[in-house]
Amino acid sequence: MKDSYNELTYEELWKKRNELKKRFMDIRFDKVVGHMENPLEKRTVRKKIARVNTLIHEYDLGVRKSQE
């Protein structure tokens, strides 16, 4: 299931990206230690980070405007 990030503001996207990056690092650490519950979660978190980065880049380019 895709998460919908389209209605988030620029600042919320930055916060979400930082949360996802922290989660990705935790997943990587768990894999190295050897007790990873869901190995596919690494892939899904990486894709979510890419989606959020795309939206942030759209704001930077001016393609997406803030709804204020």
N, C-alpha and C. Protein backbone atom coordinates (compact mmCIF):
# COMPACT_ATOMS: atom_id res chain seq x y z
N MET A 1 0.83 -1.17 0.00
CA MET A 1 0.00 0.00 0.00
C MET A 1 0.89 1.24 0.00
N LYS A 2 0.64 2.15 -0.92
CA LYS A 2 1.40 3.38 -0.98
C LYS A 2 0.89 4.35 0.07
N ASP A 3 1.84 5.02 0.70
CA ASP A 3 1.46 6.09 1.61
C ASP A 3 1.24 7.34 0.78
N SER A 4 0.27 8.14 1.17
CA SER A 4 -0.03 9.34 0.42
C SER A 4 0.69 10.53 1.06
N TYR A 5 1.69 11.03 0.38
CA TYR A 5 2.46 12.16 0.87
C TYR A 5 2.10 13.43 0.12
N ASN A 6 1.15 13.37 -0.79
CA ASN A 6 0.83 14.52 -1.63
C ASN A 6 0.26 15.69 -0.85
N GLU A 7 -0.44 15.44 0.23
CA GLU A 7 -1.05 16.55 0.95
C GLU A 7 -0.16 17.11 2.06
N LEU A 8 1.07 16.61 2.19
CA LEU A 8 1.99 17.13 3.20
C LEU A 8 2.66 18.41 2.72
N THR A 9 2.96 19.29 3.66
CA THR A 9 3.65 20.53 3.32
C THR A 9 5.15 20.25 3.20
N TYR A 10 5.87 21.26 2.76
CA TYR A 10 7.32 21.13 2.55
C TYR A 10 8.03 20.75 3.86
N GLU A 11 7.69 21.42 4.95
CA GLU A 11 8.32 21.14 6.24
C GLU A 11 7.97 19.74 6.74
N GLU A 12 6.73 19.34 6.55
CA GLU A 12 6.31 17.99 6.96
C GLU A 12 7.04 16.93 6.15
N LEU A 13 7.29 17.21 4.87
CA LEU A 13 8.03 16.26 4.04
C LEU A 13 9.46 16.10 4.55
N TRP A 14 10.08 17.19 4.96
CA TRP A 14 11.44 17.11 5.51
C TRP A 14 11.45 16.28 6.79
N LYS A 15 10.47 16.49 7.66
CA LYS A 15 10.39 15.71 8.90
C LYS A 15 10.17 14.23 8.59
N LYS A 16 9.29 13.96 7.63
CA LYS A 16 9.00 12.57 7.25
C LYS A 16 10.24 11.90 6.67
N ARG A 17 10.99 12.65 5.85
CA ARG A 17 12.22 12.10 5.26
C ARG A 17 13.23 11.75 6.35
N ASN A 18 13.37 12.62 7.35
CA ASN A 18 14.30 12.34 8.44
C ASN A 18 13.87 11.11 9.23
N GLU A 19 12.57 10.96 9.47
CA GLU A 19 12.06 9.78 10.17
C GLU A 19 12.34 8.51 9.36
N LEU A 20 12.09 8.58 8.05
CA LEU A 20 12.31 7.40 7.21
C LEU A 20 13.79 7.04 7.13
N LYS A 21 14.66 8.04 7.06
CA LYS A 21 16.10 7.77 7.02
C LYS A 21 16.57 7.11 8.32
N LYS A 22 16.02 7.57 9.45
CA LYS A 22 16.37 6.96 10.73
C LYS A 22 15.88 5.51 10.76
N ARG A 23 14.67 5.28 10.27
CA ARG A 23 14.12 3.91 10.23
C ARG A 23 14.97 3.01 9.32
N PHE A 24 15.44 3.56 8.19
CA PHE A 24 16.26 2.79 7.27
C PHE A 24 17.59 2.40 7.94
N MET A 25 18.18 3.33 8.68
CA MET A 25 19.43 3.01 9.38
C MET A 25 19.20 1.95 10.44
N ASP A 26 18.06 2.01 11.14
CA ASP A 26 17.73 0.99 12.13
C ASP A 26 17.57 -0.38 11.47
N ILE A 27 16.95 -0.41 10.32
CA ILE A 27 16.76 -1.67 9.59
C ILE A 27 18.11 -2.24 9.17
N ARG A 28 18.99 -1.38 8.66
CA ARG A 28 20.32 -1.83 8.26
C ARG A 28 21.08 -2.39 9.45
N PHE A 29 20.98 -1.73 10.60
CA PHE A 29 21.64 -2.20 11.80
C PHE A 29 21.09 -3.56 12.22
N ASP A 30 19.77 -3.70 12.19
CA ASP A 30 19.15 -4.98 12.55
C ASP A 30 19.60 -6.10 11.63
N LYS A 31 19.79 -5.79 10.35
CA LYS A 31 20.22 -6.82 9.41
C LYS A 31 21.64 -7.27 9.73
N VAL A 32 22.51 -6.33 10.07
CA VAL A 32 23.89 -6.68 10.40
C VAL A 32 23.95 -7.50 11.69
N VAL A 33 23.15 -7.12 12.66
CA VAL A 33 23.12 -7.84 13.93
C VAL A 33 22.54 -9.23 13.74
N GLY A 34 21.58 -9.35 12.83
CA GLY A 34 21.07 -10.67 12.50
C GLY A 34 19.67 -10.97 12.96
N HIS A 35 18.96 -10.03 13.50
CA HIS A 35 17.58 -10.31 13.92
C HIS A 35 16.60 -9.38 13.21
N MET A 36 16.47 -9.60 11.93
CA MET A 36 15.58 -8.79 11.11
C MET A 36 14.27 -9.56 10.92
N GLU A 37 13.16 -8.91 11.27
CA GLU A 37 11.87 -9.58 11.19
C GLU A 37 11.36 -9.67 9.76
N ASN A 38 11.42 -8.55 9.03
CA ASN A 38 10.89 -8.51 7.67
C ASN A 38 11.98 -7.97 6.72
N PRO A 39 12.63 -8.84 5.98
CA PRO A 39 13.71 -8.37 5.10
C PRO A 39 13.24 -7.46 3.96
N LEU A 40 11.98 -7.53 3.59
CA LEU A 40 11.47 -6.68 2.50
C LEU A 40 11.20 -5.25 2.96
N GLU A 41 11.20 -5.03 4.27
CA GLU A 41 10.93 -3.69 4.79
C GLU A 41 12.02 -2.70 4.37
N LYS A 42 13.23 -3.18 4.22
CA LYS A 42 14.33 -2.31 3.78
C LYS A 42 14.03 -1.72 2.41
N ARG A 43 13.53 -2.53 1.52
CA ARG A 43 13.19 -2.07 0.17
C ARG A 43 12.04 -1.07 0.20
N THR A 44 11.01 -1.35 0.98
CA THR A 44 9.85 -0.46 1.01
C THR A 44 10.20 0.89 1.62
N VAL A 45 11.03 0.90 2.66
CA VAL A 45 11.43 2.17 3.27
C VAL A 45 12.28 2.97 2.30
N ARG A 46 13.16 2.29 1.57
CA ARG A 46 14.00 2.98 0.58
C ARG A 46 13.14 3.62 -0.51
N LYS A 47 12.08 2.94 -0.93
CA LYS A 47 11.18 3.50 -1.94
C LYS A 47 10.38 4.68 -1.39
N LYS A 48 9.98 4.60 -0.13
CA LYS A 48 9.27 5.72 0.49
C LYS A 48 10.17 6.95 0.57
N ILE A 49 11.44 6.75 0.89
CA ILE A 49 12.39 7.86 0.93
C ILE A 49 12.51 8.49 -0.46
N ALA A 50 12.54 7.67 -1.49
CA ALA A 50 12.63 8.19 -2.86
C ALA A 50 11.39 9.00 -3.22
N ARG A 51 10.21 8.53 -2.81
CA ARG A 51 8.97 9.28 -3.09
C ARG A 51 8.99 10.64 -2.40
N VAL A 52 9.41 10.66 -1.15
CA VAL A 52 9.46 11.92 -0.42
C VAL A 52 10.49 12.85 -1.02
N ASN A 53 11.65 12.31 -1.41
CA ASN A 53 12.68 13.14 -2.06
C ASN A 53 12.16 13.74 -3.36
N THR A 54 11.38 13.00 -4.10
CA THR A 54 10.80 13.51 -5.35
C THR A 54 9.88 14.68 -5.07
N LEU A 55 9.04 14.56 -4.05
CA LEU A 55 8.12 15.65 -3.71
C LEU A 55 8.87 16.88 -3.22
N ILE A 56 9.92 16.67 -2.43
CA ILE A 56 10.74 17.79 -1.96
C ILE A 56 11.39 18.49 -3.15
N HIS A 57 11.88 17.72 -4.10
CA HIS A 57 12.51 18.29 -5.29
C HIS A 57 11.49 19.07 -6.13
N GLU A 58 10.26 18.58 -6.20
CA GLU A 58 9.22 19.31 -6.93
C GLU A 58 8.95 20.67 -6.28
N TYR A 59 8.96 20.72 -4.95
CA TYR A 59 8.81 22.00 -4.26
C TYR A 59 9.98 22.93 -4.59
N ASP A 60 11.20 22.38 -4.60
CA ASP A 60 12.38 23.18 -4.89
C ASP A 60 12.36 23.74 -6.30
N LEU A 61 11.85 22.95 -7.25
CA LEU A 61 11.79 23.40 -8.64
C LEU A 61 10.63 24.36 -8.91
N GLY A 62 9.65 24.37 -8.03
CA GLY A 62 8.48 25.21 -8.22
C GLY A 62 7.35 24.52 -8.94
N VAL A 63 7.48 23.24 -9.20
CA VAL A 63 6.42 22.47 -9.84
C VAL A 63 5.24 22.33 -8.89
N ARG A 64 5.53 22.13 -7.63
CA ARG A 64 4.51 21.96 -6.61
C ARG A 64 4.54 23.21 -5.72
N LYS A 65 3.39 23.80 -5.53
CA LYS A 65 3.29 25.02 -4.70
C LYS A 65 2.68 24.66 -3.35
N SER A 66 3.07 25.40 -2.34
CA SER A 66 2.49 25.17 -1.02
C SER A 66 1.06 25.73 -1.00
N GLN A 67 0.18 25.04 -0.28
CA GLN A 67 -1.24 25.40 -0.27
C GLN A 67 -1.56 26.34 0.89
N GLU A 68 -0.78 27.35 1.10
CA GLU A 68 -1.03 28.28 2.19
C GLU A 68 -1.78 29.49 1.74
